[in-house]
PDB file of N, CA and C in Angstrom:
ATOM      1  N   MET A   1     -15.967 -10.724  21.538  1.00  0.00           N
ATOM      2  CA  MET A   1     -16.732 -10.153  20.478  1.00  0.00           C
ATOM      3  C   MET A   1     -16.662 -11.016  19.246  1.00  0.00           C
ATOM      4  N   SER A   2     -17.778 -11.305  18.609  1.00  0.00           N
ATOM      5  CA  SER A   2     -17.752 -12.064  17.466  1.00  0.00           C
ATOM      6  C   SER A   2     -18.897 -11.605  16.528  1.00  0.00           C
ATOM      7  N   THR A   3     -18.763 -11.918  15.221  1.00  0.00           N
ATOM      8  CA  THR A   3     -19.905 -11.583  14.253  1.00  0.00           C
ATOM      9  C   THR A   3     -20.408 -12.747  13.640  1.00  0.00           C
ATOM     10  N   ASN A   4     -21.516 -12.490  12.928  1.00  0.00           N
ATOM     11  CA  ASN A   4     -22.157 -13.640  12.144  1.00  0.00           C
ATOM     12  C   ASN A   4     -22.076 -13.438  10.676  1.00  0.00           C
ATOM     13  N   ILE A   5     -22.579 -14.454   9.992  1.00  0.00           N
ATOM     14  CA  ILE A   5     -22.479 -14.542   8.511  1.00  0.00           C
ATOM     15  C   ILE A   5     -23.208 -13.325   7.889  1.00  0.00           C
ATOM     16  N   GLU A   6     -24.248 -12.829   8.505  1.00  0.00           N
ATOM     17  CA  GLU A   6     -25.133 -11.736   7.833  1.00  0.00           C
ATOM     18  C   GLU A   6     -24.256 -10.458   7.964  1.00  0.00           C
ATOM     19  N   THR A   7     -23.560 -10.272   9.010  1.00  0.00           N
ATOM     20  CA  THR A   7     -22.765  -9.048   9.117  1.00  0.00           C
ATOM     21  C   THR A   7     -21.624  -9.091   8.184  1.00  0.00           C
ATOM     22  N   LEU A   8     -21.054 -10.294   7.996  1.00  0.00           N
ATOM     23  CA  LEU A   8     -19.914 -10.452   7.045  1.00  0.00           C
ATOM     24  C   LEU A   8     -20.374 -10.126   5.610  1.00  0.00           C
ATOM     25  N   ARG A   9     -21.676 -10.578   5.273  1.00  0.00           N
ATOM     26  CA  ARG A   9     -22.258 -10.433   4.005  1.00  0.00           C
ATOM     27  C   ARG A   9     -22.613  -8.904   3.767  1.00  0.00           C
ATOM     28  N   GLN A  10     -22.839  -8.175   4.802  1.00  0.00           N
ATOM     29  CA  GLN A  10     -23.157  -6.749   4.659  1.00  0.00           C
ATOM     30  C   GLN A  10     -21.858  -5.969   4.378  1.00  0.00           C
ATOM     31  N   LEU A  11     -20.800  -6.439   5.255  1.00  0.00           N
ATOM     32  CA  LEU A  11     -19.495  -5.835   4.982  1.00  0.00           C
ATOM     33  C   LEU A  11     -19.009  -6.089   3.575  1.00  0.00           C
ATOM     34  N   ALA A  12     -19.117  -7.269   3.104  1.00  0.00           N
ATOM     35  CA  ALA A  12     -18.674  -7.628   1.751  1.00  0.00           C
ATOM     36  C   ALA A  12     -19.414  -6.858   0.772  1.00  0.00           C
ATOM     37  N   HIS A  13     -20.741  -6.681   0.900  1.00  0.00           N
ATOM     38  CA  HIS A  13     -21.475  -5.777   0.016  1.00  0.00           C
ATOM     39  C   HIS A  13     -20.997  -4.431  -0.100  1.00  0.00           C
ATOM     40  N   LEU A  14     -20.735  -3.845   1.111  1.00  0.00           N
ATOM     41  CA  LEU A  14     -20.242  -2.423   1.205  1.00  0.00           C
ATOM     42  C   LEU A  14     -18.874  -2.319   0.570  1.00  0.00           C
ATOM     43  N   ALA A  15     -18.054  -3.379   0.657  1.00  0.00           N
ATOM     44  CA  ALA A  15     -16.703  -3.403   0.177  1.00  0.00           C
ATOM     45  C   ALA A  15     -16.685  -3.814  -1.226  1.00  0.00           C
ATOM     46  N   ARG A  16     -17.766  -4.179  -1.855  1.00  0.00           N
ATOM     47  CA  ARG A  16     -17.929  -4.812  -3.178  1.00  0.00           C
ATOM     48  C   ARG A  16     -17.036  -6.032  -3.323  1.00  0.00           C
ATOM     49  N   LEU A  17     -17.163  -6.965  -2.409  1.00  0.00           N
ATOM     50  CA  LEU A  17     -16.441  -8.175  -2.353  1.00  0.00           C
ATOM     51  C   LEU A  17     -17.380  -9.305  -2.585  1.00  0.00           C
ATOM     52  N   GLU A  18     -16.971 -10.321  -3.211  1.00  0.00           N
ATOM     53  CA  GLU A  18     -17.789 -11.530  -3.411  1.00  0.00           C
ATOM     54  C   GLU A  18     -17.096 -12.734  -3.002  1.00  0.00           C
ATOM     55  N   PHE A  19     -17.684 -13.638  -2.213  1.00  0.00           N
ATOM     56  CA  PHE A  19     -17.109 -14.910  -1.723  1.00  0.00           C
ATOM     57  C   PHE A  19     -18.000 -16.044  -1.985  1.00  0.00           C
ATOM     58  N   ASP A  20     -17.362 -17.097  -2.324  1.00  0.00           N
ATOM     59  CA  ASP A  20     -18.122 -18.381  -2.372  1.00  0.00           C
ATOM     60  C   ASP A  20     -18.346 -18.821  -1.001  1.00  0.00           C
ATOM     61  N   GLU A  21     -19.028 -19.912  -0.716  1.00  0.00           N
ATOM     62  CA  GLU A  21     -19.398 -20.373   0.658  1.00  0.00           C
ATOM     63  C   GLU A  21     -18.195 -20.817   1.394  1.00  0.00           C
ATOM     64  N   THR A  22     -17.102 -21.430   0.814  1.00  0.00           N
ATOM     65  CA  THR A  22     -15.983 -21.809   1.424  1.00  0.00           C
ATOM     66  C   THR A  22     -15.205 -20.554   1.935  1.00  0.00           C
ATOM     67  N   LYS A  23     -14.941 -19.565   1.042  1.00  0.00           N
ATOM     68  CA  LYS A  23     -14.175 -18.409   1.400  1.00  0.00           C
ATOM     69  C   LYS A  23     -14.962 -17.590   2.363  1.00  0.00           C
ATOM     70  N   GLU A  24     -16.288 -17.636   2.302  1.00  0.00           N
ATOM     71  CA  GLU A  24     -17.098 -16.813   3.222  1.00  0.00           C
ATOM     72  C   GLU A  24     -16.897 -17.378   4.612  1.00  0.00           C
ATOM     73  N   GLN A  25     -16.815 -18.679   4.808  1.00  0.00           N
ATOM     74  CA  GLN A  25     -16.512 -19.274   6.093  1.00  0.00           C
ATOM     75  C   GLN A  25     -15.143 -18.965   6.585  1.00  0.00           C
ATOM     76  N   GLU A  26     -14.169 -18.953   5.591  1.00  0.00           N
ATOM     77  CA  GLU A  26     -12.810 -18.514   6.058  1.00  0.00           C
ATOM     78  C   GLU A  26     -12.698 -17.118   6.520  1.00  0.00           C
ATOM     79  N   MET A  27     -13.405 -16.246   5.728  1.00  0.00           N
ATOM     80  CA  MET A  27     -13.401 -14.823   6.138  1.00  0.00           C
ATOM     81  C   MET A  27     -14.129 -14.601   7.497  1.00  0.00           C
ATOM     82  N   LEU A  28     -15.189 -15.282   7.716  1.00  0.00           N
ATOM     83  CA  LEU A  28     -15.821 -15.258   8.928  1.00  0.00           C
ATOM     84  C   LEU A  28     -14.964 -15.613  10.179  1.00  0.00           C
ATOM     85  N   LYS A  29     -14.255 -16.752   9.946  1.00  0.00           N
ATOM     86  CA  LYS A  29     -13.259 -17.123  10.961  1.00  0.00           C
ATOM     87  C   LYS A  29     -12.095 -16.190  11.202  1.00  0.00           C
ATOM     88  N   ASP A  30     -11.616 -15.646  10.113  1.00  0.00           N
ATOM     89  CA  ASP A  30     -10.598 -14.671  10.227  1.00  0.00           C
ATOM     90  C   ASP A  30     -11.080 -13.335  10.830  1.00  0.00           C
ATOM     91  N   LEU A  31     -12.257 -12.901  10.428  1.00  0.00           N
ATOM     92  CA  LEU A  31     -12.776 -11.653  11.118  1.00  0.00           C
ATOM     93  C   LEU A  31     -13.055 -11.877  12.569  1.00  0.00           C
ATOM     94  N   ASN A  32     -13.521 -12.974  12.966  1.00  0.00           N
ATOM     95  CA  ASN A  32     -13.735 -13.304  14.376  1.00  0.00           C
ATOM     96  C   ASN A  32     -12.497 -13.329  15.144  1.00  0.00           C
ATOM     97  N   ASN A  33     -11.346 -13.963  14.508  1.00  0.00           N
ATOM     98  CA  ASN A  33     -10.081 -13.928  15.183  1.00  0.00           C
ATOM     99  C   ASN A  33      -9.585 -12.466  15.372  1.00  0.00           C
ATOM    100  N   ILE A  34      -9.787 -11.634  14.431  1.00  0.00           N
ATOM    101  CA  ILE A  34      -9.310 -10.277  14.506  1.00  0.00           C
ATOM    102  C   ILE A  34     -10.043  -9.603  15.663  1.00  0.00           C
ATOM    103  N   LEU A  35     -11.412  -9.760  15.660  1.00  0.00           N
ATOM    104  CA  LEU A  35     -12.231  -9.134  16.709  1.00  0.00           C
ATOM    105  C   LEU A  35     -11.884  -9.661  18.120  1.00  0.00           C
ATOM    106  N   ASN A  36     -11.576 -10.919  18.225  1.00  0.00           N
ATOM    107  CA  ASN A  36     -11.108 -11.442  19.532  1.00  0.00           C
ATOM    108  C   ASN A  36      -9.771 -10.825  19.993  1.00  0.00           C
ATOM    109  N   TRP A  37      -8.924 -10.597  19.088  1.00  0.00           N
ATOM    110  CA  TRP A  37      -7.627 -10.071  19.350  1.00  0.00           C
ATOM    111  C   TRP A  37      -7.750  -8.541  19.723  1.00  0.00           C
ATOM    112  N   VAL A  38      -8.723  -7.822  19.184  1.00  0.00           N
ATOM    113  CA  VAL A  38      -8.956  -6.501  19.492  1.00  0.00           C
ATOM    114  C   VAL A  38      -9.605  -6.500  20.989  1.00  0.00           C
ATOM    115  N   ASP A  39     -10.416  -7.406  21.258  1.00  0.00           N
ATOM    116  CA  ASP A  39     -10.918  -7.516  22.644  1.00  0.00           C
ATOM    117  C   ASP A  39      -9.861  -7.789  23.658  1.00  0.00           C
ATOM    118  N   GLN A  40      -8.922  -8.549  23.283  1.00  0.00           N
ATOM    119  CA  GLN A  40      -7.728  -8.785  24.243  1.00  0.00           C
ATOM    120  C   GLN A  40      -7.025  -7.465  24.417  1.00  0.00           C
ATOM    121  N   LEU A  41      -6.774  -6.730  23.335  1.00  0.00           N
ATOM    122  CA  LEU A  41      -6.123  -5.471  23.508  1.00  0.00           C
ATOM    123  C   LEU A  41      -6.874  -4.476  24.377  1.00  0.00           C
ATOM    124  N   ARG A  42      -8.173  -4.500  24.280  1.00  0.00           N
ATOM    125  CA  ARG A  42      -9.135  -3.664  25.058  1.00  0.00           C
ATOM    126  C   ARG A  42      -8.964  -3.962  26.616  1.00  0.00           C
ATOM    127  N   ALA A  43      -8.704  -5.281  26.833  1.00  0.00           N
ATOM    128  CA  ALA A  43      -8.554  -5.707  28.235  1.00  0.00           C
ATOM    129  C   ALA A  43      -7.264  -5.145  28.931  1.00  0.00           C
ATOM    130  N   LEU A  44      -6.407  -4.685  28.184  1.00  0.00           N
ATOM    131  CA  LEU A  44      -5.142  -4.211  28.886  1.00  0.00           C
ATOM    132  C   LEU A  44      -5.305  -2.745  29.353  1.00  0.00           C
ATOM    133  N   ASP A  45      -4.563  -2.508  30.432  1.00  0.00           N
ATOM    134  CA  ASP A  45      -4.600  -1.213  31.088  1.00  0.00           C
ATOM    135  C   ASP A  45      -3.635  -0.319  30.363  1.00  0.00           C
ATOM    136  N   THR A  46      -4.073   0.668  29.610  1.00  0.00           N
ATOM    137  CA  THR A  46      -3.235   1.576  28.855  1.00  0.00           C
ATOM    138  C   THR A  46      -3.377   2.991  29.388  1.00  0.00           C
ATOM    139  N   GLN A  47      -3.699   3.204  30.638  1.00  0.00           N
ATOM    140  CA  GLN A  47      -3.965   4.533  31.195  1.00  0.00           C
ATOM    141  C   GLN A  47      -2.715   5.287  31.206  1.00  0.00           C
ATOM    142  N   ASN A  48      -1.546   4.732  31.559  1.00  0.00           N
ATOM    143  CA  ASN A  48      -0.344   5.424  31.676  1.00  0.00           C
ATOM    144  C   ASN A  48       0.677   5.188  30.447  1.00  0.00           C
ATOM    145  N   VAL A  49       0.110   4.778  29.450  1.00  0.00           N
ATOM    146  CA  VAL A  49       0.979   4.475  28.306  1.00  0.00           C
ATOM    147  C   VAL A  49       0.771   5.641  27.287  1.00  0.00           C
ATOM    148  N   GLU A  50       1.906   6.174  26.929  1.00  0.00           N
ATOM    149  CA  GLU A  50       1.780   7.381  25.943  1.00  0.00           C
ATOM    150  C   GLU A  50       1.574   6.819  24.562  1.00  0.00           C
ATOM    151  N   PRO A  51       0.876   7.655  23.743  1.00  0.00           N
ATOM    152  CA  PRO A  51       0.604   7.139  22.342  1.00  0.00           C
ATOM    153  C   PRO A  51       1.914   6.979  21.583  1.00  0.00           C
ATOM    154  N   LEU A  52       1.921   5.996  20.723  1.00  0.00           N
ATOM    155  CA  LEU A  52       3.076   5.761  19.889  1.00  0.00           C
ATOM    156  C   LEU A  52       2.984   6.527  18.642  1.00  0.00           C
ATOM    157  N   ILE A  53       3.884   7.436  18.326  1.00  0.00           N
ATOM    158  CA  ILE A  53       3.768   8.280  17.135  1.00  0.00           C
ATOM    159  C   ILE A  53       4.657   7.650  16.028  1.00  0.00           C
ATOM    160  N   HIS A  54       5.921   7.199  16.416  1.00  0.00           N
ATOM    161  CA  HIS A  54       6.875   6.545  15.468  1.00  0.00           C
ATOM    162  C   HIS A  54       7.328   5.327  16.150  1.00  0.00           C
ATOM    163  N   ILE A  55       7.586   4.398  15.218  1.00  0.00           N
ATOM    164  CA  ILE A  55       8.108   3.010  15.690  1.00  0.00           C
ATOM    165  C   ILE A  55       9.526   3.252  16.425  1.00  0.00           C
ATOM    166  N   SER A  56      10.339   4.027  15.874  1.00  0.00           N
ATOM    167  CA  SER A  56      11.583   4.221  16.442  1.00  0.00           C
ATOM    168  C   SER A  56      11.964   5.767  16.445  1.00  0.00           C
ATOM    169  N   GLU A  57      12.934   6.103  17.197  1.00  0.00           N
ATOM    170  CA  GLU A  57      13.309   7.532  17.253  1.00  0.00           C
ATOM    171  C   GLU A  57      14.374   7.954  16.267  1.00  0.00           C
ATOM    172  N   GLU A  58      14.828   6.976  15.476  1.00  0.00           N
ATOM    173  CA  GLU A  58      15.817   7.279  14.470  1.00  0.00           C
ATOM    174  C   GLU A  58      15.298   8.035  13.286  1.00  0.00           C
ATOM    175  N   VAL A  59      16.098   8.898  12.783  1.00  0.00           N
ATOM    176  CA  VAL A  59      15.705   9.784  11.777  1.00  0.00           C
ATOM    177  C   VAL A  59      16.517   9.401  10.511  1.00  0.00           C
ATOM    178  N   ASN A  60      15.837   9.424   9.340  1.00  0.00           N
ATOM    179  CA  ASN A  60      16.466   9.118   8.079  1.00  0.00           C
ATOM    180  C   ASN A  60      17.672   9.991   7.749  1.00  0.00           C
ATOM    181  N   VAL A  61      18.819   9.497   7.439  1.00  0.00           N
ATOM    182  CA  VAL A  61      20.014  10.197   7.084  1.00  0.00           C
ATOM    183  C   VAL A  61      19.972  10.274   5.527  1.00  0.00           C
ATOM    184  N   MET A  62      19.809  11.466   5.006  1.00  0.00           N
ATOM    185  CA  MET A  62      19.706  11.560   3.559  1.00  0.00           C
ATOM    186  C   MET A  62      20.855  12.420   3.017  1.00  0.00           C
ATOM    187  N   ARG A  63      21.339  12.052   1.821  1.00  0.00           N
ATOM    188  CA  ARG A  63      22.325  12.872   1.281  1.00  0.00           C
ATOM    189  C   ARG A  63      21.739  14.162   0.609  1.00  0.00           C
ATOM    190  N   GLU A  64      22.643  15.117   0.351  1.00  0.00           N
ATOM    191  CA  GLU A  64      22.247  16.300  -0.192  1.00  0.00           C
ATOM    192  C   GLU A  64      21.788  16.012  -1.647  1.00  0.00           C
ATOM    193  N   ASP A  65      20.721  16.664  -2.040  1.00  0.00           N
ATOM    194  CA  ASP A  65      20.183  16.412  -3.406  1.00  0.00           C
ATOM    195  C   ASP A  65      20.886  17.434  -4.325  1.00  0.00           C
ATOM    196  N   VAL A  66      21.758  16.924  -5.111  1.00  0.00           N
ATOM    197  CA  VAL A  66      22.537  17.713  -6.022  1.00  0.00           C
ATOM    198  C   VAL A  66      22.284  17.285  -7.454  1.00  0.00           C
ATOM    199  N   ALA A  67      21.846  18.297  -8.287  1.00  0.00           N
ATOM    200  CA  ALA A  67      21.422  17.947  -9.639  1.00  0.00           C
ATOM    201  C   ALA A  67      22.686  17.916 -10.406  1.00  0.00           C
ATOM    202  N   GLN A  68      22.903  16.866 -11.247  1.00  0.00           N
ATOM    203  CA  GLN A  68      23.976  16.680 -12.072  1.00  0.00           C
ATOM    204  C   GLN A  68      23.569  15.953 -13.255  1.00  0.00           C
ATOM    205  N   ASN A  69      24.213  16.137 -14.419  1.00  0.00           N
ATOM    206  CA  ASN A  69      23.922  15.389 -15.601  1.00  0.00           C
ATOM    207  C   ASN A  69      24.880  14.128 -15.562  1.00  0.00           C
ATOM    208  N   THR A  70      24.298  12.876 -15.500  1.00  0.00           N
ATOM    209  CA  THR A  70      25.200  11.770 -15.434  1.00  0.00           C
ATOM    210  C   THR A  70      25.381  11.255 -16.911  1.00  0.00           C
ATOM    211  N   VAL A  71      24.356  11.452 -17.789  1.00  0.00           N
ATOM    212  CA  VAL A  71      24.484  11.013 -19.211  1.00  0.00           C
ATOM    213  C   VAL A  71      24.359  12.253 -20.073  1.00  0.00           C
ATOM    214  N   ARG A  72      25.328  12.380 -20.898  1.00  0.00           N
ATOM    215  CA  ARG A  72      25.296  13.524 -21.793  1.00  0.00           C
ATOM    216  C   ARG A  72      24.187  13.267 -22.856  1.00  0.00           C
ATOM    217  N   HIS A  73      23.562  14.431 -23.257  1.00  0.00           N
ATOM    218  CA  HIS A  73      22.496  14.353 -24.269  1.00  0.00           C
ATOM    219  C   HIS A  73      22.902  13.586 -25.535  1.00  0.00           C
ATOM    220  N   GLU A  74      24.135  13.912 -26.097  1.00  0.00           N
ATOM    221  CA  GLU A  74      24.541  13.176 -27.200  1.00  0.00           C
ATOM    222  C   GLU A  74      24.623  11.696 -27.034  1.00  0.00           C
ATOM    223  N   ASP A  75      25.023  11.228 -25.957  1.00  0.00           N
ATOM    224  CA  ASP A  75      25.253   9.764 -25.623  1.00  0.00           C
ATOM    225  C   ASP A  75      23.789   9.125 -25.580  1.00  0.00           C
ATOM    226  N   ALA A  76      22.906   9.850 -24.844  1.00  0.00           N
ATOM    227  CA  ALA A  76      21.492   9.311 -24.805  1.00  0.00           C
ATOM    228  C   ALA A  76      20.872   9.212 -26.118  1.00  0.00           C
ATOM    229  N   LEU A  77      21.113  10.240 -26.959  1.00  0.00           N
ATOM    230  CA  LEU A  77      20.491  10.114 -28.385  1.00  0.00           C
ATOM    231  C   LEU A  77      21.196   9.053 -29.152  1.00  0.00           C
ATOM    232  N   ARG A  78      22.408   8.799 -29.021  1.00  0.00           N
ATOM    233  CA  ARG A  78      23.113   7.774 -29.750  1.00  0.00           C
ATOM    234  C   ARG A  78      22.615   6.403 -29.416  1.00  0.00           C
ATOM    235  N   LEU A  79      22.143   6.234 -28.202  1.00  0.00           N
ATOM    236  CA  LEU A  79      21.573   4.952 -27.789  1.00  0.00           C
ATOM    237  C   LEU A  79      20.067   4.735 -28.049  1.00  0.00           C
ATOM    238  N   ALA A  80      19.412   5.858 -28.407  1.00  0.00           N
ATOM    239  CA  ALA A  80      18.024   5.837 -28.609  1.00  0.00           C
ATOM    240  C   ALA A  80      17.700   4.942 -29.847  1.00  0.00           C
ATOM    241  N   PRO A  81      16.639   4.139 -29.836  1.00  0.00           N
ATOM    242  CA  PRO A  81      16.219   3.424 -30.997  1.00  0.00           C
ATOM    243  C   PRO A  81      15.817   4.328 -32.220  1.00  0.00           C
ATOM    244  N   ARG A  82      15.149   5.489 -31.911  1.00  0.00           N
ATOM    245  CA  ARG A  82      14.742   6.449 -32.957  1.00  0.00           C
ATOM    246  C   ARG A  82      14.969   7.815 -32.474  1.00  0.00           C
ATOM    247  N   LYS A  83      15.455   8.614 -33.354  1.00  0.00           N
ATOM    248  CA  LYS A  83      15.640   9.912 -33.022  1.00  0.00           C
ATOM    249  C   LYS A  83      15.403  10.896 -34.109  1.00  0.00           C
ATOM    250  N   ASP A  84      15.187  12.152 -33.865  1.00  0.00           N
ATOM    251  CA  ASP A  84      14.945  13.159 -34.899  1.00  0.00           C
ATOM    252  C   ASP A  84      15.631  14.392 -34.434  1.00  0.00           C
ATOM    253  N   SER A  85      16.811  14.648 -35.121  1.00  0.00           N
ATOM    254  CA  SER A  85      17.691  15.858 -34.787  1.00  0.00           C
ATOM    255  C   SER A  85      18.162  15.752 -33.337  1.00  0.00           C
ATOM    256  N   ASP A  86      17.647  16.612 -32.394  1.00  0.00           N
ATOM    257  CA  ASP A  86      18.068  16.494 -31.058  1.00  0.00           C
ATOM    258  C   ASP A  86      16.948  15.922 -30.187  1.00  0.00           C
ATOM    259  N   TYR A  87      16.032  15.285 -30.674  1.00  0.00           N
ATOM    260  CA  TYR A  87      14.793  14.713 -29.875  1.00  0.00           C
ATOM    261  C   TYR A  87      14.624  13.222 -30.035  1.00  0.00           C
ATOM    262  N   PHE A  88      14.127  12.635 -28.994  1.00  0.00           N
ATOM    263  CA  PHE A  88      13.751  11.234 -29.084  1.00  0.00           C
ATOM    264  C   PHE A  88      12.434  11.027 -29.857  1.00  0.00           C
ATOM    265  N   ARG A  89      12.356  10.019 -30.742  1.00  0.00           N
ATOM    266  CA  ARG A  89      11.091   9.761 -31.336  1.00  0.00           C
ATOM    267  C   ARG A  89      10.345   8.641 -30.561  1.00  0.00           C
ATOM    268  N   VAL A  90       9.117   8.843 -30.242  1.00  0.00           N
ATOM    269  CA  VAL A  90       8.306   7.887 -29.559  1.00  0.00           C
ATOM    270  C   VAL A  90       7.014   7.651 -30.279  1.00  0.00           C
ATOM    271  N   PRO A  91       6.345   6.510 -30.076  1.00  0.00           N
ATOM    272  CA  PRO A  91       4.986   6.262 -30.749  1.00  0.00           C
ATOM    273  C   PRO A  91       4.063   7.324 -30.223  1.00  0.00           C
ATOM    274  N   LYS A  92       3.168   7.698 -31.050  1.00  0.00           N
ATOM    275  CA  LYS A  92       2.073   8.696 -30.766  1.00  0.00           C
ATOM    276  C   LYS A  92       1.093   8.006 -29.890  1.00  0.00           C
ATOM    277  N   VAL A  93       0.807   8.614 -28.692  1.00  0.00           N
ATOM    278  CA  VAL A  93      -0.211   8.070 -27.749  1.00  0.00           C
ATOM    279  C   VAL A  93      -1.438   8.792 -27.741  1.00  0.00           C
ATOM    280  N   LEU A  94      -1.517  10.013 -28.260  1.00  0.00           N
ATOM    281  CA  LEU A  94      -2.743  10.846 -28.194  1.00  0.00           C
ATOM    282  C   LEU A  94      -3.114  11.252 -29.641  1.00  0.00           C
ATOM    283  N   GLU A  95      -4.402  11.258 -29.879  1.00  0.00           N
ATOM    284  CA  GLU A  95      -4.863  11.734 -31.256  1.00  0.00           C
ATOM    285  C   GLU A  95      -4.914  13.137 -31.292  1.00  0.00           C
TER     286      GLU A  95
END
């Protein structure tokens, strides 16, 4: 299976992409390579192959999520560039 330059231009229009002539030819070549690869996959007999859901059977091992204060409020305020009483001062971002 392969495609032509008009199909590539239609796809580029739908995807809101713009190519110069050199890039257009490169994209056409790459697209045809991908389509040829898909054709090779279609030729394989996958009748008795179960669908792949996960790449591996391993499950992430995660630690317990325990909330804890690692920096005391006073220490954080002491390191802040600007502060007001018990609060951090930041530049105004909304009017």
